[in-house]
Amino acid sequence: MDRNQIAKWFKEPSKMANKYSLHAIYFCTGCGIIEVPPVITARWDAERFGVIPVATPRQANLFLITGYVSVKTLKAIIRTYEQMYEPKYTVAFGSCPINGGMYWDSYNTIKHLDKYIPIDGWIAGCMPRPEAIFVAVTHLWTLIDKGMANGYERYKKYYRAYRRNQELALGKLEWPPLYPIGEHTEGGECD
């Protein structure tokens, strides 16, 4: 914690509150869940970093996606992300959300998750150790400090392109668009 930089707290209290109060919701598939429980236990104690697991997307501001993403689970990931309040941050860990991992050549594996929802941070590995999760959290703090953890703003700005990619993978989505899709909405960043 930045105790020696107390002026930051007074200058931007909401940024500091978001930074040190990360309420995490996990989307775990396959082997991705294996390293999450140890992070919460007394040995590593995620709460000392301000990371607290929560039950629903409405309570969360940190979305951790672990393990492979299939076409079937992509829909649940998108719905979970869209239900979270802003500001919200997404970290994908393990090789699978980055490039499909060992399932890279499967017909139903989603590669490059960042084409469908914005990702603020990646943790490479198969599976990353609990220590890597804490390195990612402290890196996320830096990104929040610098205003670079802005995936939720990119999602709004390029929503038309994200929605197009989502519908290319899933077909016509049964829920209405989160943001208006019109002429003024930019598209093309996440191609």
N, C-alpha and C. Protein backbone atom coordinates (compact mmCIF):
# COMPACT_ATOMS: atom_id res chain seq x y z
N MET A 1 0.84 -1.17 0.00
CA MET A 1 0.00 0.00 0.00
C MET A 1 0.89 1.24 0.00
N ASP A 2 0.41 2.32 -0.61
CA ASP A 2 1.18 3.55 -0.75
C ASP A 2 1.07 4.44 0.48
N ARG A 3 1.44 3.95 1.64
CA ARG A 3 1.29 4.74 2.87
C ARG A 3 2.18 5.98 2.86
N ASN A 4 3.32 5.90 2.18
CA ASN A 4 4.20 7.05 2.14
C ASN A 4 3.74 8.09 1.11
N GLN A 5 2.71 7.78 0.36
CA GLN A 5 2.17 8.72 -0.62
C GLN A 5 0.73 9.04 -0.29
N ILE A 6 0.49 9.46 0.91
CA ILE A 6 -0.86 9.73 1.41
C ILE A 6 -1.57 10.82 0.62
N ALA A 7 -0.80 11.68 -0.03
CA ALA A 7 -1.40 12.75 -0.83
C ALA A 7 -2.27 12.18 -1.94
N LYS A 8 -1.89 11.00 -2.48
CA LYS A 8 -2.70 10.35 -3.51
C LYS A 8 -4.12 10.08 -3.01
N TRP A 9 -4.21 9.67 -1.77
CA TRP A 9 -5.52 9.34 -1.21
C TRP A 9 -6.43 10.55 -1.20
N PHE A 10 -5.87 11.71 -0.88
CA PHE A 10 -6.69 12.91 -0.82
C PHE A 10 -6.97 13.49 -2.20
N LYS A 11 -6.04 13.26 -3.12
CA LYS A 11 -6.21 13.79 -4.47
C LYS A 11 -7.25 13.01 -5.26
N GLU A 12 -7.19 11.67 -5.20
CA GLU A 12 -8.11 10.82 -5.94
C GLU A 12 -8.60 9.67 -5.06
N PRO A 13 -9.49 9.96 -4.12
CA PRO A 13 -9.91 8.90 -3.19
C PRO A 13 -10.65 7.75 -3.87
N SER A 14 -11.42 8.02 -4.92
CA SER A 14 -12.15 6.92 -5.58
C SER A 14 -11.19 5.97 -6.29
N LYS A 15 -10.14 6.51 -6.90
CA LYS A 15 -9.15 5.66 -7.56
C LYS A 15 -8.44 4.78 -6.54
N MET A 16 -8.10 5.35 -5.40
CA MET A 16 -7.42 4.58 -4.36
C MET A 16 -8.36 3.51 -3.79
N ALA A 17 -9.64 3.85 -3.64
CA ALA A 17 -10.60 2.87 -3.12
C ALA A 17 -10.76 1.70 -4.10
N ASN A 18 -10.84 2.01 -5.39
CA ASN A 18 -10.94 0.94 -6.39
C ASN A 18 -9.69 0.09 -6.41
N LYS A 19 -8.56 0.73 -6.26
CA LYS A 19 -7.28 0.04 -6.34
C LYS A 19 -7.10 -0.97 -5.20
N TYR A 20 -7.45 -0.57 -4.00
CA TYR A 20 -7.19 -1.42 -2.83
C TYR A 20 -8.42 -2.17 -2.34
N SER A 21 -9.48 -2.17 -3.14
CA SER A 21 -10.68 -2.89 -2.77
C SER A 21 -11.20 -3.62 -4.01
N LEU A 22 -10.49 -4.67 -4.37
CA LEU A 22 -10.85 -5.44 -5.55
C LEU A 22 -11.74 -6.61 -5.14
N HIS A 23 -12.99 -6.53 -5.50
CA HIS A 23 -13.94 -7.59 -5.21
C HIS A 23 -14.02 -8.48 -6.43
N ALA A 24 -13.50 -9.68 -6.30
CA ALA A 24 -13.29 -10.55 -7.45
C ALA A 24 -14.38 -11.59 -7.61
N ILE A 25 -14.78 -11.74 -8.86
CA ILE A 25 -15.62 -12.86 -9.25
C ILE A 25 -14.79 -13.69 -10.21
N TYR A 26 -14.87 -15.00 -10.06
CA TYR A 26 -14.04 -15.91 -10.83
C TYR A 26 -14.90 -16.64 -11.84
N PHE A 27 -14.38 -16.79 -13.04
CA PHE A 27 -14.99 -17.67 -14.01
C PHE A 27 -13.97 -18.76 -14.29
N CYS A 28 -14.21 -19.91 -13.74
CA CYS A 28 -13.21 -20.98 -13.77
C CYS A 28 -13.71 -22.14 -14.60
N THR A 29 -12.87 -22.56 -15.53
CA THR A 29 -13.18 -23.74 -16.33
C THR A 29 -12.01 -24.70 -16.25
N GLY A 30 -12.30 -25.95 -16.20
CA GLY A 30 -11.25 -26.98 -16.21
C GLY A 30 -10.20 -26.77 -15.14
N CYS A 31 -8.95 -26.80 -15.57
CA CYS A 31 -7.83 -26.71 -14.64
C CYS A 31 -7.64 -25.31 -14.08
N GLY A 32 -8.32 -24.34 -14.63
CA GLY A 32 -8.15 -22.96 -14.21
C GLY A 32 -8.46 -22.69 -12.75
N ILE A 33 -9.32 -23.47 -12.16
CA ILE A 33 -9.72 -23.24 -10.78
C ILE A 33 -8.66 -23.69 -9.79
N ILE A 34 -7.74 -24.51 -10.17
CA ILE A 34 -6.85 -25.18 -9.24
C ILE A 34 -5.99 -24.24 -8.41
N GLU A 35 -5.59 -23.09 -8.96
CA GLU A 35 -4.73 -22.18 -8.23
C GLU A 35 -5.49 -21.07 -7.49
N VAL A 36 -6.79 -20.97 -7.69
CA VAL A 36 -7.54 -19.90 -7.03
C VAL A 36 -7.77 -20.16 -5.54
N PRO A 37 -8.22 -21.34 -5.11
CA PRO A 37 -8.44 -21.54 -3.67
C PRO A 37 -7.20 -21.29 -2.80
N PRO A 38 -6.00 -21.71 -3.21
CA PRO A 38 -4.85 -21.40 -2.35
C PRO A 38 -4.62 -19.90 -2.15
N VAL A 39 -4.99 -19.10 -3.14
CA VAL A 39 -4.81 -17.65 -3.03
C VAL A 39 -5.66 -17.08 -1.91
N ILE A 40 -6.79 -17.69 -1.67
CA ILE A 40 -7.72 -17.18 -0.66
C ILE A 40 -7.36 -17.68 0.74
N THR A 41 -6.60 -18.76 0.84
CA THR A 41 -6.29 -19.35 2.14
C THR A 41 -5.26 -18.52 2.91
N ALA A 42 -5.01 -18.91 4.12
CA ALA A 42 -4.12 -18.15 5.01
C ALA A 42 -2.68 -18.10 4.51
N ARG A 43 -2.25 -19.08 3.75
CA ARG A 43 -0.85 -19.09 3.31
C ARG A 43 -0.52 -17.88 2.43
N TRP A 44 -1.39 -17.56 1.47
CA TRP A 44 -1.14 -16.42 0.59
C TRP A 44 -2.00 -15.22 0.96
N ASP A 45 -3.18 -15.43 1.49
CA ASP A 45 -4.04 -14.38 2.05
C ASP A 45 -4.28 -13.21 1.10
N ALA A 46 -5.14 -13.42 0.12
CA ALA A 46 -5.45 -12.39 -0.87
C ALA A 46 -6.06 -11.14 -0.25
N GLU A 47 -6.70 -11.28 0.90
CA GLU A 47 -7.33 -10.11 1.52
C GLU A 47 -6.34 -9.05 1.94
N ARG A 48 -5.10 -9.42 2.21
CA ARG A 48 -4.11 -8.40 2.56
C ARG A 48 -3.78 -7.52 1.38
N PHE A 49 -4.09 -8.00 0.16
CA PHE A 49 -3.93 -7.20 -1.05
C PHE A 49 -5.24 -6.51 -1.44
N GLY A 50 -6.27 -6.66 -0.64
CA GLY A 50 -7.55 -6.06 -0.94
C GLY A 50 -8.40 -6.85 -1.89
N VAL A 51 -8.03 -8.10 -2.17
CA VAL A 51 -8.79 -8.95 -3.09
C VAL A 51 -9.72 -9.84 -2.27
N ILE A 52 -11.00 -9.66 -2.48
CA ILE A 52 -12.01 -10.38 -1.73
C ILE A 52 -12.95 -11.08 -2.71
N PRO A 53 -13.16 -12.39 -2.57
CA PRO A 53 -14.10 -13.06 -3.47
C PRO A 53 -15.54 -12.67 -3.15
N VAL A 54 -16.34 -12.50 -4.19
CA VAL A 54 -17.75 -12.17 -4.02
C VAL A 54 -18.60 -13.16 -4.81
N ALA A 55 -19.89 -13.12 -4.57
CA ALA A 55 -20.78 -14.14 -5.13
C ALA A 55 -21.39 -13.77 -6.47
N THR A 56 -21.59 -12.49 -6.73
CA THR A 56 -22.30 -12.11 -7.95
C THR A 56 -21.56 -11.01 -8.71
N PRO A 57 -21.82 -10.89 -10.00
CA PRO A 57 -21.18 -9.82 -10.79
C PRO A 57 -21.55 -8.42 -10.30
N ARG A 58 -22.72 -8.25 -9.73
CA ARG A 58 -23.15 -6.94 -9.26
C ARG A 58 -22.32 -6.45 -8.07
N GLN A 59 -21.65 -7.35 -7.40
CA GLN A 59 -20.80 -6.99 -6.25
C GLN A 59 -19.34 -6.86 -6.64
N ALA A 60 -18.99 -7.24 -7.87
CA ALA A 60 -17.59 -7.37 -8.26
C ALA A 60 -17.10 -6.19 -9.09
N ASN A 61 -15.81 -5.91 -8.97
CA ASN A 61 -15.15 -4.97 -9.88
C ASN A 61 -13.90 -5.59 -10.50
N LEU A 62 -13.59 -6.84 -10.16
CA LEU A 62 -12.48 -7.57 -10.76
C LEU A 62 -13.01 -8.91 -11.26
N PHE A 63 -12.79 -9.17 -12.54
CA PHE A 63 -13.26 -10.39 -13.17
C PHE A 63 -12.04 -11.21 -13.54
N LEU A 64 -11.89 -12.38 -12.91
CA LEU A 64 -10.78 -13.27 -13.19
C LEU A 64 -11.29 -14.43 -14.04
N ILE A 65 -10.73 -14.59 -15.21
CA ILE A 65 -11.13 -15.67 -16.11
C ILE A 65 -9.97 -16.65 -16.16
N THR A 66 -10.23 -17.86 -15.69
CA THR A 66 -9.17 -18.86 -15.60
C THR A 66 -9.54 -20.05 -16.45
N GLY A 67 -8.57 -20.61 -17.11
CA GLY A 67 -8.80 -21.81 -17.90
C GLY A 67 -9.28 -21.51 -19.30
N TYR A 68 -9.61 -22.57 -20.02
CA TYR A 68 -10.01 -22.42 -21.42
C TYR A 68 -11.39 -21.80 -21.53
N VAL A 69 -11.63 -21.20 -22.69
CA VAL A 69 -12.93 -20.60 -22.98
C VAL A 69 -13.47 -21.30 -24.22
N SER A 70 -14.63 -21.90 -24.08
CA SER A 70 -15.27 -22.54 -25.22
C SER A 70 -16.36 -21.62 -25.75
N VAL A 71 -16.89 -21.95 -26.91
CA VAL A 71 -17.97 -21.15 -27.48
C VAL A 71 -19.15 -21.13 -26.50
N LYS A 72 -19.41 -22.25 -25.87
CA LYS A 72 -20.53 -22.34 -24.93
C LYS A 72 -20.33 -21.45 -23.71
N THR A 73 -19.11 -21.40 -23.18
CA THR A 73 -18.88 -20.59 -21.98
C THR A 73 -18.67 -19.11 -22.29
N LEU A 74 -18.36 -18.77 -23.55
CA LEU A 74 -18.16 -17.37 -23.91
C LEU A 74 -19.40 -16.54 -23.61
N LYS A 75 -20.57 -17.10 -23.87
CA LYS A 75 -21.81 -16.37 -23.61
C LYS A 75 -21.93 -16.01 -22.13
N ALA A 76 -21.61 -16.94 -21.25
CA ALA A 76 -21.68 -16.67 -19.80
C ALA A 76 -20.64 -15.62 -19.39
N ILE A 77 -19.47 -15.67 -20.00
CA ILE A 77 -18.43 -14.68 -19.68
C ILE A 77 -18.89 -13.28 -20.09
N ILE A 78 -19.46 -13.15 -21.26
CA ILE A 78 -19.93 -11.84 -21.73
C ILE A 78 -21.04 -11.33 -20.82
N ARG A 79 -22.00 -12.19 -20.48
CA ARG A 79 -23.11 -11.77 -19.61
C ARG A 79 -22.59 -11.35 -18.23
N THR A 80 -21.65 -12.10 -17.69
CA THR A 80 -21.08 -11.75 -16.40
C THR A 80 -20.39 -10.40 -16.47
N TYR A 81 -19.57 -10.19 -17.50
CA TYR A 81 -18.86 -8.93 -17.65
C TYR A 81 -19.83 -7.76 -17.76
N GLU A 82 -20.88 -7.92 -18.54
CA GLU A 82 -21.82 -6.82 -18.75
C GLU A 82 -22.65 -6.52 -17.51
N GLN A 83 -22.78 -7.46 -16.59
CA GLN A 83 -23.54 -7.21 -15.36
C GLN A 83 -22.73 -6.49 -14.29
N MET A 84 -21.44 -6.41 -14.46
CA MET A 84 -20.59 -5.74 -13.46
C MET A 84 -20.73 -4.23 -13.60
N TYR A 85 -20.62 -3.53 -12.46
CA TYR A 85 -20.66 -2.07 -12.48
C TYR A 85 -19.29 -1.51 -12.79
N GLU A 86 -19.26 -0.30 -13.31
CA GLU A 86 -18.00 0.38 -13.62
C GLU A 86 -17.50 1.13 -12.40
N PRO A 87 -16.21 1.29 -12.26
CA PRO A 87 -15.13 0.74 -13.06
C PRO A 87 -14.95 -0.75 -12.77
N LYS A 88 -14.62 -1.48 -13.81
CA LYS A 88 -14.42 -2.92 -13.69
C LYS A 88 -13.17 -3.31 -14.44
N TYR A 89 -12.50 -4.33 -13.91
CA TYR A 89 -11.22 -4.75 -14.46
C TYR A 89 -11.28 -6.25 -14.74
N THR A 90 -10.62 -6.66 -15.82
CA THR A 90 -10.62 -8.06 -16.20
C THR A 90 -9.19 -8.56 -16.33
N VAL A 91 -8.93 -9.70 -15.70
CA VAL A 91 -7.62 -10.34 -15.81
C VAL A 91 -7.87 -11.78 -16.26
N ALA A 92 -7.20 -12.15 -17.34
CA ALA A 92 -7.30 -13.53 -17.84
C ALA A 92 -6.00 -14.23 -17.51
N PHE A 93 -6.11 -15.41 -16.90
CA PHE A 93 -4.85 -16.09 -16.62
C PHE A 93 -4.85 -17.54 -17.02
N GLY A 94 -3.64 -17.94 -17.33
CA GLY A 94 -3.42 -19.22 -17.96
C GLY A 94 -3.25 -18.98 -19.45
N SER A 95 -2.67 -19.92 -20.11
CA SER A 95 -2.43 -19.79 -21.55
C SER A 95 -3.73 -19.85 -22.35
N CYS A 96 -4.72 -20.53 -21.84
CA CYS A 96 -5.93 -20.78 -22.62
C CYS A 96 -6.69 -19.52 -23.05
N PRO A 97 -6.98 -18.57 -22.18
CA PRO A 97 -7.68 -17.37 -22.67
C PRO A 97 -6.83 -16.51 -23.60
N ILE A 98 -5.51 -16.68 -23.52
CA ILE A 98 -4.62 -15.89 -24.37
C ILE A 98 -4.61 -16.42 -25.80
N ASN A 99 -4.37 -17.73 -25.95
CA ASN A 99 -4.24 -18.29 -27.30
C ASN A 99 -4.86 -19.68 -27.44
N GLY A 100 -5.66 -20.09 -26.51
CA GLY A 100 -6.27 -21.42 -26.58
C GLY A 100 -5.51 -22.48 -25.83
N GLY A 101 -4.27 -22.19 -25.45
CA GLY A 101 -3.47 -23.14 -24.69
C GLY A 101 -3.35 -24.48 -25.39
N MET A 102 -3.47 -25.56 -24.62
CA MET A 102 -3.32 -26.88 -25.23
C MET A 102 -4.55 -27.27 -26.06
N TYR A 103 -5.59 -26.44 -26.01
CA TYR A 103 -6.79 -26.69 -26.82
C TYR A 103 -6.81 -25.78 -28.05
N TRP A 104 -5.67 -25.22 -28.43
CA TRP A 104 -5.60 -24.22 -29.49
C TRP A 104 -6.19 -24.69 -30.82
N ASP A 105 -6.15 -25.98 -31.10
CA ASP A 105 -6.65 -26.46 -32.39
C ASP A 105 -8.05 -27.06 -32.32
N SER A 106 -8.73 -26.89 -31.20
CA SER A 106 -10.08 -27.41 -31.07
C SER A 106 -11.08 -26.49 -31.77
N TYR A 107 -12.08 -27.07 -32.38
CA TYR A 107 -13.07 -26.30 -33.14
C TYR A 107 -13.91 -25.38 -32.25
N ASN A 108 -14.05 -25.71 -30.97
CA ASN A 108 -14.93 -24.90 -30.12
C ASN A 108 -14.17 -24.08 -29.08
N THR A 109 -12.88 -23.91 -29.26
CA THR A 109 -12.09 -23.11 -28.33
C THR A 109 -12.02 -21.67 -28.81
N ILE A 110 -12.28 -20.77 -27.90
CA ILE A 110 -12.14 -19.34 -28.18
C ILE A 110 -10.69 -18.96 -27.92
N LYS A 111 -10.05 -18.47 -28.94
CA LYS A 111 -8.69 -17.97 -28.81
C LYS A 111 -8.79 -16.44 -28.82
N HIS A 112 -7.90 -15.77 -28.15
CA HIS A 112 -7.91 -14.31 -28.11
C HIS A 112 -9.21 -13.77 -27.51
N LEU A 113 -9.38 -14.03 -26.25
CA LEU A 113 -10.58 -13.58 -25.53
C LEU A 113 -10.77 -12.07 -25.64
N ASP A 114 -9.68 -11.33 -25.84
CA ASP A 114 -9.78 -9.87 -25.92
C ASP A 114 -10.54 -9.38 -27.14
N LYS A 115 -10.91 -10.24 -28.07
CA LYS A 115 -11.76 -9.83 -29.18
C LYS A 115 -13.23 -9.74 -28.77
N TYR A 116 -13.57 -10.33 -27.62
CA TYR A 116 -14.96 -10.42 -27.20
C TYR A 116 -15.29 -9.56 -25.98
N ILE A 117 -14.35 -9.42 -25.08
CA ILE A 117 -14.45 -8.49 -23.96
C ILE A 117 -13.07 -7.89 -23.75
N PRO A 118 -12.98 -6.69 -23.20
CA PRO A 118 -11.65 -6.09 -22.98
C PRO A 118 -10.94 -6.76 -21.81
N ILE A 119 -9.64 -6.97 -21.98
CA ILE A 119 -8.83 -7.58 -20.93
C ILE A 119 -7.81 -6.54 -20.47
N ASP A 120 -7.77 -6.28 -19.17
CA ASP A 120 -6.82 -5.31 -18.61
C ASP A 120 -5.48 -5.93 -18.30
N GLY A 121 -5.44 -7.22 -18.06
CA GLY A 121 -4.18 -7.87 -17.74
C GLY A 121 -4.21 -9.34 -18.07
N TRP A 122 -3.03 -9.87 -18.37
CA TRP A 122 -2.86 -11.28 -18.69
C TRP A 122 -1.83 -11.88 -17.74
N ILE A 123 -2.06 -13.11 -17.34
CA ILE A 123 -1.05 -13.86 -16.59
C ILE A 123 -0.80 -15.13 -17.39
N ALA A 124 0.39 -15.23 -17.93
CA ALA A 124 0.72 -16.40 -18.75
C ALA A 124 1.09 -17.58 -17.86
N GLY A 125 1.01 -18.76 -18.42
CA GLY A 125 1.39 -19.97 -17.70
C GLY A 125 0.31 -21.01 -17.80
N CYS A 126 0.65 -22.20 -17.39
CA CYS A 126 -0.31 -23.29 -17.46
C CYS A 126 -0.12 -24.17 -16.22
N MET A 127 -0.80 -23.90 -15.23
CA MET A 127 -1.50 -22.75 -14.68
C MET A 127 -0.50 -21.87 -13.92
N PRO A 128 -0.78 -20.57 -13.87
CA PRO A 128 0.09 -19.68 -13.09
C PRO A 128 0.01 -20.01 -11.60
N ARG A 129 1.12 -19.87 -10.94
CA ARG A 129 1.18 -20.11 -9.49
C ARG A 129 0.48 -18.97 -8.75
N PRO A 130 0.10 -19.19 -7.49
CA PRO A 130 -0.53 -18.12 -6.72
C PRO A 130 0.32 -16.85 -6.65
N GLU A 131 1.64 -17.00 -6.62
CA GLU A 131 2.50 -15.82 -6.58
C GLU A 131 2.30 -14.97 -7.83
N ALA A 132 2.07 -15.59 -8.97
CA ALA A 132 1.85 -14.85 -10.21
C ALA A 132 0.57 -14.03 -10.15
N ILE A 133 -0.41 -14.54 -9.43
CA ILE A 133 -1.67 -13.80 -9.27
C ILE A 133 -1.41 -12.51 -8.50
N PHE A 134 -0.57 -12.58 -7.47
CA PHE A 134 -0.27 -11.37 -6.69
C PHE A 134 0.60 -10.39 -7.48
N VAL A 135 1.47 -10.90 -8.31
CA VAL A 135 2.24 -10.02 -9.19
C VAL A 135 1.27 -9.29 -10.12
N ALA A 136 0.29 -10.01 -10.64
CA ALA A 136 -0.70 -9.40 -11.52
C ALA A 136 -1.53 -8.35 -10.79
N VAL A 137 -1.91 -8.63 -9.54
CA VAL A 137 -2.70 -7.66 -8.77
C VAL A 137 -1.89 -6.39 -8.54
N THR A 138 -0.64 -6.52 -8.17
CA THR A 138 0.17 -5.31 -7.95
C THR A 138 0.41 -4.57 -9.26
N HIS A 139 0.51 -5.30 -10.37
CA HIS A 139 0.62 -4.64 -11.67
C HIS A 139 -0.69 -3.92 -12.02
N LEU A 140 -1.81 -4.54 -11.69
CA LEU A 140 -3.11 -3.91 -11.91
C LEU A 140 -3.21 -2.62 -11.10
N TRP A 141 -2.67 -2.61 -9.88
CA TRP A 141 -2.64 -1.37 -9.09
C TRP A 141 -1.93 -0.26 -9.86
N THR A 142 -0.79 -0.60 -10.45
CA THR A 142 -0.04 0.39 -11.23
C THR A 142 -0.85 0.89 -12.40
N LEU A 143 -1.52 -0.02 -13.09
CA LEU A 143 -2.35 0.38 -14.23
C LEU A 143 -3.50 1.28 -13.80
N ILE A 144 -4.10 0.98 -12.65
CA ILE A 144 -5.18 1.83 -12.13
C ILE A 144 -4.63 3.20 -11.79
N ASP A 145 -3.47 3.24 -11.13
CA ASP A 145 -2.83 4.51 -10.80
C ASP A 145 -2.60 5.38 -12.02
N LYS A 146 -2.14 4.77 -13.09
CA LYS A 146 -1.80 5.51 -14.30
C LYS A 146 -3.00 5.74 -15.22
N GLY A 147 -4.16 5.22 -14.84
CA GLY A 147 -5.35 5.36 -15.67
C GLY A 147 -5.33 4.47 -16.91
N MET A 148 -4.51 3.42 -16.86
CA MET A 148 -4.37 2.54 -18.02
C MET A 148 -5.26 1.29 -17.92
N ALA A 149 -5.86 1.03 -16.79
CA ALA A 149 -6.79 -0.09 -16.63
C ALA A 149 -8.17 0.41 -17.03
N ASN A 150 -8.35 0.61 -18.31
CA ASN A 150 -9.56 1.26 -18.80
C ASN A 150 -10.32 0.39 -19.80
N GLY A 151 -10.28 -0.90 -19.60
CA GLY A 151 -10.98 -1.82 -20.50
C GLY A 151 -12.46 -1.52 -20.59
N TYR A 152 -13.09 -1.14 -19.48
CA TYR A 152 -14.52 -0.84 -19.50
C TYR A 152 -14.82 0.38 -20.37
N GLU A 153 -13.89 1.33 -20.44
CA GLU A 153 -14.07 2.48 -21.33
C GLU A 153 -13.89 2.08 -22.79
N ARG A 154 -12.92 1.20 -23.06
CA ARG A 154 -12.73 0.70 -24.43
C ARG A 154 -13.96 -0.09 -24.88
N TYR A 155 -14.55 -0.84 -23.95
CA TYR A 155 -15.73 -1.64 -24.29
C TYR A 155 -16.87 -0.73 -24.74
N LYS A 156 -17.03 0.37 -24.04
CA LYS A 156 -18.08 1.32 -24.39
C LYS A 156 -17.76 2.00 -25.72
N LYS A 157 -16.52 2.41 -25.90
CA LYS A 157 -16.11 3.14 -27.10
C LYS A 157 -16.19 2.28 -28.35
N TYR A 158 -15.76 1.02 -28.24
CA TYR A 158 -15.72 0.12 -29.40
C TYR A 158 -16.78 -0.98 -29.29
N TYR A 159 -17.88 -0.66 -28.67
CA TYR A 159 -18.90 -1.69 -28.41
C TYR A 159 -19.40 -2.35 -29.68
N ARG A 160 -19.57 -1.59 -30.73
CA ARG A 160 -20.08 -2.16 -31.98
C ARG A 160 -19.16 -3.29 -32.47
N ALA A 161 -17.85 -3.08 -32.40
CA ALA A 161 -16.90 -4.10 -32.85
C ALA A 161 -16.91 -5.32 -31.92
N TYR A 162 -16.97 -5.07 -30.61
CA TYR A 162 -17.05 -6.20 -29.67
C TYR A 162 -18.32 -7.00 -29.91
N ARG A 163 -19.43 -6.31 -30.06
CA ARG A 163 -20.72 -6.99 -30.27
C ARG A 163 -20.69 -7.78 -31.59
N ARG A 164 -20.09 -7.21 -32.61
CA ARG A 164 -19.99 -7.92 -33.89
C ARG A 164 -19.20 -9.21 -33.72
N ASN A 165 -18.07 -9.15 -33.02
CA ASN A 165 -17.27 -10.36 -32.79
C ASN A 165 -18.03 -11.38 -31.96
N GLN A 166 -18.77 -10.90 -30.95
CA GLN A 166 -19.56 -11.80 -30.12
C GLN A 166 -20.61 -12.53 -30.97
N GLU A 167 -21.28 -11.79 -31.85
CA GLU A 167 -22.32 -12.41 -32.67
C GLU A 167 -21.75 -13.29 -33.77
N LEU A 168 -20.53 -13.00 -34.22
CA LEU A 168 -19.89 -13.91 -35.17
C LEU A 168 -19.61 -15.27 -34.53
N ALA A 169 -19.26 -15.25 -33.25
CA ALA A 169 -18.96 -16.51 -32.55
C ALA A 169 -20.21 -17.21 -32.04
N LEU A 170 -21.20 -16.43 -31.61
CA LEU A 170 -22.36 -17.00 -30.91
C LEU A 170 -23.66 -16.96 -31.70
N GLY A 171 -23.69 -16.26 -32.81
CA GLY A 171 -24.95 -16.03 -33.51
C GLY A 171 -25.66 -14.84 -32.87
N LYS A 172 -26.88 -14.61 -33.27
CA LYS A 172 -27.66 -13.48 -32.74
C LYS A 172 -27.83 -13.65 -31.24
N LEU A 173 -27.42 -12.63 -30.49
CA LEU A 173 -27.53 -12.69 -29.03
C LEU A 173 -28.96 -12.38 -28.60
N GLU A 174 -29.44 -13.10 -27.60
CA GLU A 174 -30.84 -12.94 -27.19
C GLU A 174 -31.07 -11.76 -26.26
N TRP A 175 -30.01 -11.09 -25.81
CA TRP A 175 -30.19 -9.93 -24.95
C TRP A 175 -29.90 -8.66 -25.74
N PRO A 176 -30.53 -7.56 -25.35
CA PRO A 176 -30.31 -6.31 -26.10
C PRO A 176 -28.90 -5.78 -25.88
N PRO A 177 -28.42 -4.96 -26.80
CA PRO A 177 -27.08 -4.38 -26.64
C PRO A 177 -26.97 -3.58 -25.35
N LEU A 178 -25.82 -3.64 -24.72
CA LEU A 178 -25.57 -2.90 -23.49
C LEU A 178 -25.51 -1.41 -23.76
N TYR A 179 -24.93 -1.03 -24.89
CA TYR A 179 -24.80 0.37 -25.29
C TYR A 179 -25.46 0.54 -26.66
N PRO A 180 -25.90 1.74 -26.97
CA PRO A 180 -26.49 1.94 -28.30
C PRO A 180 -25.48 1.65 -29.40
N ILE A 181 -25.95 0.99 -30.42
CA ILE A 181 -25.10 0.69 -31.58
C ILE A 181 -25.60 1.58 -32.71
N GLY A 182 -24.87 2.64 -32.96
CA GLY A 182 -25.29 3.57 -33.99
C GLY A 182 -24.13 4.07 -34.80
N GLU A 183 -24.37 5.09 -35.56
CA GLU A 183 -23.35 5.66 -36.41
C GLU A 183 -22.20 6.25 -35.58
N HIS A 184 -22.51 6.79 -34.41
CA HIS A 184 -21.49 7.47 -33.59
C HIS A 184 -20.61 6.50 -32.84
N THR A 185 -21.01 5.24 -32.71
CA THR A 185 -20.21 4.27 -32.00
C THR A 185 -19.05 3.83 -32.87
N GLU A 186 -17.85 3.92 -32.33
CA GLU A 186 -16.69 3.51 -33.10
C GLU A 186 -16.61 1.98 -33.12
N GLY A 187 -16.00 1.47 -34.12
CA GLY A 187 -15.82 0.04 -34.22
C GLY A 187 -14.54 -0.27 -34.94
N GLY A 188 -13.94 -1.35 -34.59
CA GLY A 188 -12.77 -1.75 -35.33
C GLY A 188 -11.54 -2.02 -34.50
N GLU A 189 -11.52 -1.60 -33.25
CA GLU A 189 -10.32 -1.79 -32.43
C GLU A 189 -10.06 -3.26 -32.15
N CYS A 190 -11.07 -4.04 -31.90
CA CYS A 190 -10.87 -5.40 -31.45
C CYS A 190 -10.94 -6.43 -32.57
N ASP A 191 -10.72 -6.02 -33.81
CA ASP A 191 -10.77 -6.97 -34.94
C ASP A 191 -9.70 -8.00 -34.88
